[in-house]
Amino acid sequence: MTTGSTTGMTYGHSAPDAAADEPGALIERDGQVQWAELLCGPGTVYWVAAEGLTGWEDLPGLESSDANRPSGHGGWPGTQWAQPRTVTAQVWLAPDPGGGPEAALAALRALRSATAVRDEEQWLAVRLYGETLAVRARVVQRVVPTDRQFLAGGLGKATLQWKAMDPRRYESVVRRAMVGLPRREPGLTWPLTWPLTWGTPGSIGEVTVDNAGSAPSHPLITLTGPCATPRLTNHNTGTWLEYALTLSQGDVLEVDTADGTVLFNGTASRRHTATVGSVPEESFTLAPGASRLSFRAESGDVEQASATVAWRSADW
C-alpha cells in the first residue's frame, strides 16, 4: 500500500453502534485500514506509507511440541500453536496544508484519541484486492516524531503497532445457518389413489456450513427450545456439544466456543450441564472447508426447537 491523495480528506468517522461489530464498515477502497472508528489510507489525512503493513500477511510466530529423538536422527513433529499477531504500520499525518495549524491539531488529536491505552480489544480491518479481513487487537505502540517538518507543516511519519491475542484474521461478514430437529415424512395417505402422494419430504436435522478461510473458526451457537438435552454434532470431526437441561419455549442457550461460555437466557452459566463425551467448548471449531452439523434432542418440538450457528471465515 502506498501514500494516497488528500482529496476528500477525513479525520475519522462518527459511525453508528453497529460499526463496532462490523469490522471495516468505513472502508471504501483498497489500501484503506480501519482501526476502531479511525480510517487510514487513500482519501484520508492518514496516509499509509510506502512500506505498508508488516505482520499482516505474515504467519504469526509458532509454538510447537516437537521433540528430538533421543537415539536417532531428527525428531517427532508435535502440535503447532500460533502466537499472538503483531501488526505495525508507518502512517503519514498529512492534514490539508490550507487548513493551517487547526487542521494539523485536529488530525493529531483524532489520532491520539483512537490510539489511547485501552484494556478492551477493537477491530483492526484491512482491505486488499476487494477483500476485507480483520483482527481484534489493542494498540501497543504509537510514535509521532515532533520534528521540524511536523511543526512547520503538520506532516509527520508516525509508527503505529497493534497486538492481536487471537492471530486469526476474520472476514467482515458474519455467516449464519439454522437447523431444526429431524422431521418424519408423512408417507402415503390411505386409501391409496393414483397418482400416489407421498407428502412433504421430512427434514433430517442437518446443515452444512462453510468456512471459506484457511484457519479454524470458533462458532457462536444458539440453541432454542422447547427441547430436552440438546446436542449439536460436527460429523467432520466426530465431536459434539450436549447439555443435560430442558429448554422451555422461549428459552435460549448461547454457547460461545471462542470464550468457552454457556449462558442460559443471557445470564446464568450452564457450562456445568455438559454431558459425558461433550467436548470442551473451546475445542469445537469449524475447520476450513465444509462442515456437516446435525441437531438432536432427547425430545422437543420439531416446529420450534432449533440450533443457529454464526461464524466468520478465518484466515492465517
Protein backbone atom coordinates (compact mmCIF):
# COMPACT_ATOMS: atom_id res chain seq x y z
CA MET A 1 0.00 0.00 0.00
CA THR A 2 1.24 3.46 -0.88
CA THR A 3 0.52 7.02 0.03
CA GLY A 4 -2.75 8.43 -1.14
CA SER A 5 -4.33 11.68 -2.19
CA THR A 6 -5.79 14.15 0.30
CA THR A 7 -8.88 14.66 -1.85
CA GLY A 8 -11.97 14.27 0.30
CA MET A 9 -9.83 14.05 3.42
CA THR A 10 -11.34 12.69 6.63
CA TYR A 11 -10.18 12.70 10.24
CA GLY A 12 -12.19 9.63 11.26
CA HIS A 13 -15.92 8.98 11.29
CA SER A 14 -18.76 9.03 13.79
CA ALA A 15 -20.15 5.61 12.98
CA PRO A 16 -23.35 4.03 14.31
CA ASP A 17 -23.05 1.47 17.10
CA ALA A 18 -23.37 -1.35 14.55
CA ALA A 19 -19.96 -0.42 13.14
CA ALA A 20 -18.34 -1.77 16.30
CA ASP A 21 -19.49 -5.28 15.31
CA GLU A 22 -18.84 -4.86 11.59
CA PRO A 23 -15.11 -4.57 11.00
CA GLY A 24 -14.18 -2.36 8.10
CA ALA A 25 -17.61 -0.74 7.82
CA LEU A 26 -15.98 2.59 6.91
CA ILE A 27 -13.62 1.16 4.28
CA GLU A 28 -14.47 2.14 0.71
CA ARG A 29 -11.41 1.22 -1.35
CA ASP A 30 -8.35 -0.99 -1.48
CA GLY A 31 -5.43 0.06 0.69
CA GLN A 32 -7.55 1.53 3.47
CA VAL A 33 -7.11 0.49 7.09
CA GLN A 34 -9.76 0.96 9.75
CA TRP A 35 -8.83 0.93 13.41
CA ALA A 36 -11.98 1.21 15.55
CA GLU A 37 -13.53 4.38 14.06
CA LEU A 38 -10.32 5.82 12.61
CA LEU A 39 -9.87 5.38 8.86
CA CYS A 40 -6.39 5.46 7.31
CA GLY A 41 -5.16 5.19 3.75
CA PRO A 42 -6.19 6.75 0.43
CA GLY A 43 -8.70 9.57 0.77
CA THR A 44 -7.86 10.34 4.41
CA VAL A 45 -5.36 12.55 6.21
CA TYR A 46 -3.56 9.45 7.45
CA TRP A 47 -1.61 8.03 4.52
CA VAL A 48 -0.20 4.54 4.82
CA ALA A 49 3.48 4.88 3.95
CA ALA A 50 5.13 3.05 1.08
CA GLU A 51 6.39 0.37 3.47
CA GLY A 52 2.78 -0.67 4.06
CA LEU A 53 1.96 -3.03 6.93
CA THR A 54 4.24 -5.61 8.47
CA GLY A 55 2.84 -8.63 10.25
CA TRP A 56 -0.46 -8.58 8.38
CA GLU A 57 0.05 -11.20 5.66
CA ASP A 58 2.81 -12.93 7.63
CA LEU A 59 2.27 -16.10 9.60
CA PRO A 60 2.29 -15.38 13.33
CA GLY A 61 5.02 -16.90 15.47
CA LEU A 62 4.51 -20.59 16.24
CA GLU A 63 4.90 -22.66 19.39
CA SER A 64 5.35 -26.39 18.88
CA SER A 65 5.64 -29.53 20.96
CA ASP A 66 8.26 -31.06 18.65
CA ALA A 67 10.63 -33.47 20.36
CA ASN A 68 14.06 -34.65 19.25
CA ARG A 69 14.71 -38.37 19.01
CA PRO A 70 17.00 -39.39 21.89
CA SER A 71 18.78 -42.09 19.89
CA GLY A 72 18.35 -41.26 16.23
CA HIS A 73 18.33 -38.52 13.66
CA GLY A 74 15.63 -35.88 13.60
CA GLY A 75 12.63 -35.80 15.87
CA TRP A 76 8.90 -36.24 16.18
CA PRO A 77 6.59 -33.48 14.92
CA GLY A 78 4.28 -32.14 17.59
CA THR A 79 1.29 -29.82 17.71
CA GLN A 80 1.78 -26.25 16.48
CA TRP A 81 0.02 -23.31 18.13
CA ALA A 82 0.05 -19.78 16.76
CA GLN A 83 1.28 -16.95 18.96
CA PRO A 84 -0.40 -13.51 19.11
CA ARG A 85 -0.10 -11.44 15.94
CA THR A 86 1.77 -8.11 15.92
CA VAL A 87 0.93 -5.63 13.15
CA THR A 88 2.95 -2.48 12.51
CA ALA A 89 2.08 0.42 10.20
CA GLN A 90 4.00 3.50 9.12
CA VAL A 91 1.44 6.30 8.73
CA TRP A 92 1.94 9.82 7.43
CA LEU A 93 -0.08 12.55 9.14
CA ALA A 94 -0.96 14.69 6.13
CA PRO A 95 -3.59 17.31 7.02
CA ASP A 96 -4.81 19.79 4.43
CA PRO A 97 -2.00 22.36 4.01
CA GLY A 98 -4.63 25.05 3.58
CA GLY A 99 -6.14 24.26 6.96
CA GLY A 100 -3.25 25.72 8.90
CA PRO A 101 -2.38 24.74 12.47
CA GLU A 102 -6.02 23.97 13.22
CA ALA A 103 -6.10 21.14 10.67
CA ALA A 104 -2.82 19.71 11.93
CA LEU A 105 -4.05 19.79 15.53
CA ALA A 106 -7.36 18.17 14.60
CA ALA A 107 -5.55 15.30 12.84
CA LEU A 108 -3.20 14.84 15.80
CA ARG A 109 -5.99 14.89 18.38
CA ALA A 110 -8.04 12.35 16.42
CA LEU A 111 -5.02 10.07 16.26
CA ARG A 112 -4.40 10.44 19.99
CA SER A 113 -8.00 9.56 20.79
CA ALA A 114 -8.05 6.50 18.52
CA THR A 115 -4.77 5.11 19.84
CA ALA A 116 -5.31 5.72 23.54
CA VAL A 117 -4.49 2.99 26.07
CA ARG A 118 -7.46 0.64 26.50
CA ASP A 119 -7.98 -2.76 28.08
CA GLU A 120 -10.56 -4.00 25.58
CA GLU A 121 -9.75 -5.15 22.06
CA GLN A 122 -11.24 -3.49 18.97
CA TRP A 123 -11.39 -4.35 15.29
CA LEU A 124 -8.41 -3.65 13.03
CA ALA A 125 -9.51 -4.16 9.41
CA VAL A 126 -7.55 -4.03 6.15
CA ARG A 127 -8.84 -4.21 2.58
CA LEU A 128 -6.65 -5.66 -0.17
CA TYR A 129 -7.90 -6.50 -3.68
CA GLY A 130 -11.52 -6.18 -2.61
CA GLU A 131 -11.16 -8.49 0.41
CA THR A 132 -11.55 -7.11 3.94
CA LEU A 133 -10.06 -9.10 6.81
CA ALA A 134 -9.93 -8.07 10.46
CA VAL A 135 -8.45 -8.97 13.83
CA ARG A 136 -9.38 -7.99 17.38
CA ALA A 137 -6.41 -6.07 18.73
CA ARG A 138 -5.08 -3.34 21.01
CA VAL A 139 -2.62 -0.54 20.35
CA VAL A 140 0.73 -1.30 21.98
CA GLN A 141 2.82 1.49 20.44
CA ARG A 142 2.39 4.96 18.96
CA VAL A 143 5.41 7.01 17.92
CA VAL A 144 4.88 10.50 16.47
CA PRO A 145 8.16 12.39 15.90
CA THR A 146 7.68 16.10 16.59
CA ASP A 147 10.48 17.23 14.29
CA ARG A 148 10.87 20.44 12.28
CA GLN A 149 8.86 19.08 9.33
CA PHE A 150 5.94 18.24 11.60
CA LEU A 151 5.99 21.60 13.37
CA ALA A 152 6.30 23.56 10.12
CA GLY A 153 3.53 21.92 8.09
CA GLY A 154 1.90 19.21 10.17
CA LEU A 155 3.46 16.47 8.03
CA GLY A 156 4.84 13.68 10.21
CA LYS A 157 5.54 9.97 9.87
CA ALA A 158 4.06 8.06 12.78
CA THR A 159 4.53 4.42 13.74
CA LEU A 160 1.50 2.50 14.99
CA GLN A 161 1.62 -1.03 16.34
CA TRP A 162 -1.15 -3.41 17.37
CA LYS A 163 -1.16 -6.77 19.12
CA ALA A 164 -3.93 -9.30 18.44
CA MET A 165 -4.13 -12.08 21.03
CA ASP A 166 -6.14 -14.15 18.54
CA PRO A 167 -3.84 -14.16 15.48
CA ARG A 168 -6.52 -15.31 13.04
CA ARG A 169 -7.88 -12.76 10.56
CA TYR A 170 -11.64 -12.88 10.05
CA GLU A 171 -13.87 -11.92 7.17
CA SER A 172 -16.01 -8.87 7.85
CA VAL A 173 -19.35 -10.62 7.28
CA VAL A 174 -20.91 -12.94 9.85
CA ARG A 175 -22.37 -16.08 8.29
CA ARG A 176 -25.39 -17.83 9.85
CA ALA A 177 -27.12 -21.17 9.41
CA MET A 178 -30.11 -22.60 11.26
CA VAL A 179 -31.20 -26.22 11.62
CA GLY A 180 -34.21 -27.77 13.31
CA LEU A 181 -34.87 -31.20 14.76
CA PRO A 182 -35.42 -34.12 12.38
CA ARG A 183 -38.93 -34.30 10.97
CA ARG A 184 -40.59 -37.50 9.83
CA GLU A 185 -42.09 -37.86 6.38
CA PRO A 186 -45.87 -38.25 6.47
CA GLY A 187 -45.80 -41.18 4.00
CA LEU A 188 -48.73 -42.41 1.92
CA THR A 189 -52.32 -41.47 2.63
CA TRP A 190 -54.85 -44.32 2.79
CA PRO A 191 -56.84 -45.33 0.89
CA LEU A 192 -54.35 -45.21 -1.95
CA THR A 193 -55.29 -43.25 -5.05
CA TRP A 194 -53.41 -42.70 -8.26
CA PRO A 195 -51.19 -40.75 -8.66
CA LEU A 196 -49.64 -41.61 -5.28
CA THR A 197 -48.90 -38.67 -2.97
CA TRP A 198 -46.02 -39.23 -0.55
CA GLY A 199 -46.50 -35.94 1.28
CA THR A 200 -43.98 -33.22 2.04
CA PRO A 201 -40.43 -34.57 2.48
CA GLY A 202 -39.18 -34.58 6.05
CA SER A 203 -36.06 -32.95 7.44
CA ILE A 204 -33.02 -34.88 8.65
CA GLY A 205 -31.93 -32.13 11.06
CA GLU A 206 -28.62 -31.43 9.34
CA VAL A 207 -26.95 -28.41 7.79
CA THR A 208 -23.64 -27.84 6.01
CA VAL A 209 -21.65 -24.72 6.89
CA ASP A 210 -18.63 -23.38 5.02
CA ASN A 211 -15.52 -21.80 6.48
CA ALA A 212 -14.03 -20.18 3.36
CA GLY A 213 -10.71 -19.35 5.03
CA SER A 214 -7.53 -21.26 5.89
CA ALA A 215 -7.81 -21.34 9.70
CA PRO A 216 -10.31 -22.99 12.06
CA SER A 217 -13.13 -20.73 13.22
CA HIS A 218 -14.98 -20.76 16.55
CA PRO A 219 -18.75 -20.54 16.02
CA LEU A 220 -21.36 -18.91 18.25
CA ILE A 221 -24.15 -21.45 18.78
CA THR A 222 -27.68 -20.56 19.88
CA LEU A 223 -29.98 -23.39 20.99
CA THR A 224 -33.68 -22.56 21.39
CA GLY A 225 -36.48 -24.62 22.95
CA PRO A 226 -38.65 -26.32 23.60
CA CYS A 227 -36.34 -29.33 23.76
CA ALA A 228 -34.56 -31.55 26.28
CA THR A 229 -30.83 -32.40 26.26
CA PRO A 230 -29.96 -30.51 23.05
CA ARG A 231 -26.96 -31.79 21.11
CA LEU A 232 -25.03 -30.34 18.16
CA THR A 233 -22.64 -32.70 16.37
CA ASN A 234 -19.84 -31.90 13.93
CA HIS A 235 -19.65 -35.01 11.75
CA ASN A 236 -16.39 -33.91 10.12
CA THR A 237 -14.51 -34.04 13.43
CA GLY A 238 -16.71 -36.51 15.31
CA THR A 239 -17.15 -34.05 18.19
CA TRP A 240 -20.33 -32.77 19.79
CA LEU A 241 -21.74 -30.37 22.38
CA GLU A 242 -24.56 -31.66 24.56
CA TYR A 243 -26.21 -30.25 27.69
CA ALA A 244 -28.35 -32.06 30.26
CA LEU A 245 -31.07 -29.46 30.67
CA THR A 246 -34.55 -28.70 29.40
CA LEU A 247 -35.23 -25.57 27.36
CA SER A 248 -38.83 -24.40 27.53
CA GLN A 249 -40.50 -22.33 24.84
CA GLY A 250 -38.65 -19.01 24.64
CA ASP A 251 -35.55 -20.26 26.44
CA VAL A 252 -32.18 -19.73 24.77
CA LEU A 253 -28.83 -21.40 25.47
CA GLU A 254 -25.93 -19.48 23.93
CA VAL A 255 -22.63 -21.30 23.52
CA ASP A 256 -19.62 -19.10 22.71
CA THR A 257 -16.93 -21.56 21.66
CA ALA A 258 -14.27 -18.84 21.46
CA ASP A 259 -14.70 -17.68 25.07
CA GLY A 260 -15.87 -21.07 26.35
CA THR A 261 -19.07 -19.70 27.89
CA VAL A 262 -22.52 -21.32 28.06
CA LEU A 263 -25.23 -18.83 29.03
CA PHE A 264 -28.87 -19.62 29.75
CA ASN A 265 -31.13 -16.75 28.67
CA GLY A 266 -28.12 -14.44 28.54
CA THR A 267 -27.28 -14.51 32.25
CA ALA A 268 -26.79 -17.79 34.12
CA SER A 269 -23.89 -20.09 33.27
CA ARG A 270 -24.84 -23.64 32.34
CA ARG A 271 -21.42 -24.93 31.34
CA HIS A 272 -21.59 -27.46 34.18
CA THR A 273 -24.53 -29.21 32.47
CA ALA A 274 -22.31 -30.59 29.68
CA THR A 275 -22.76 -34.34 29.40
CA VAL A 276 -20.07 -37.03 29.36
CA GLY A 277 -18.45 -37.09 25.94
CA SER A 278 -19.31 -33.47 25.18
CA VAL A 279 -16.04 -31.76 24.19
CA PRO A 280 -14.74 -28.59 25.85
CA GLU A 281 -16.43 -25.64 24.16
CA GLU A 282 -13.11 -24.14 23.05
CA SER A 283 -12.25 -27.27 21.05
CA PHE A 284 -15.47 -27.20 18.99
CA THR A 285 -14.34 -25.46 15.79
CA LEU A 286 -15.22 -25.29 12.11
CA ALA A 287 -12.25 -26.43 10.05
CA PRO A 288 -11.52 -24.77 6.68
CA GLY A 289 -13.99 -26.01 4.10
CA ALA A 290 -17.44 -27.52 4.56
CA SER A 291 -18.60 -28.99 7.89
CA ARG A 292 -21.73 -31.13 8.32
CA LEU A 293 -23.60 -30.38 11.53
CA SER A 294 -26.65 -32.11 13.00
CA PHE A 295 -29.07 -31.04 15.74
CA ARG A 296 -30.67 -33.61 18.04
CA ALA A 297 -32.50 -33.74 21.38
CA GLU A 298 -34.00 -36.41 23.63
CA SER A 299 -37.35 -34.75 22.99
CA GLY A 300 -38.52 -31.49 21.52
CA ASP A 301 -40.89 -29.53 19.34
CA VAL A 302 -39.91 -30.03 15.70
CA GLU A 303 -41.76 -26.84 14.79
CA GLN A 304 -39.91 -24.52 17.18
CA ALA A 305 -36.69 -26.02 18.57
CA SER A 306 -33.61 -25.06 16.59
CA ALA A 307 -29.86 -24.54 16.58
CA THR A 308 -28.38 -21.42 14.97
CA VAL A 309 -24.68 -21.33 14.11
CA ALA A 310 -22.95 -17.97 13.50
CA TRP A 311 -19.32 -17.74 12.38
CA ARG A 312 -16.78 -15.74 10.42
CA SER A 313 -14.48 -17.45 7.95
CA ALA A 314 -10.94 -17.28 9.34
CA ASP A 315 -7.50 -16.96 7.72
CA TRP A 316 -3.95 -17.17 8.97
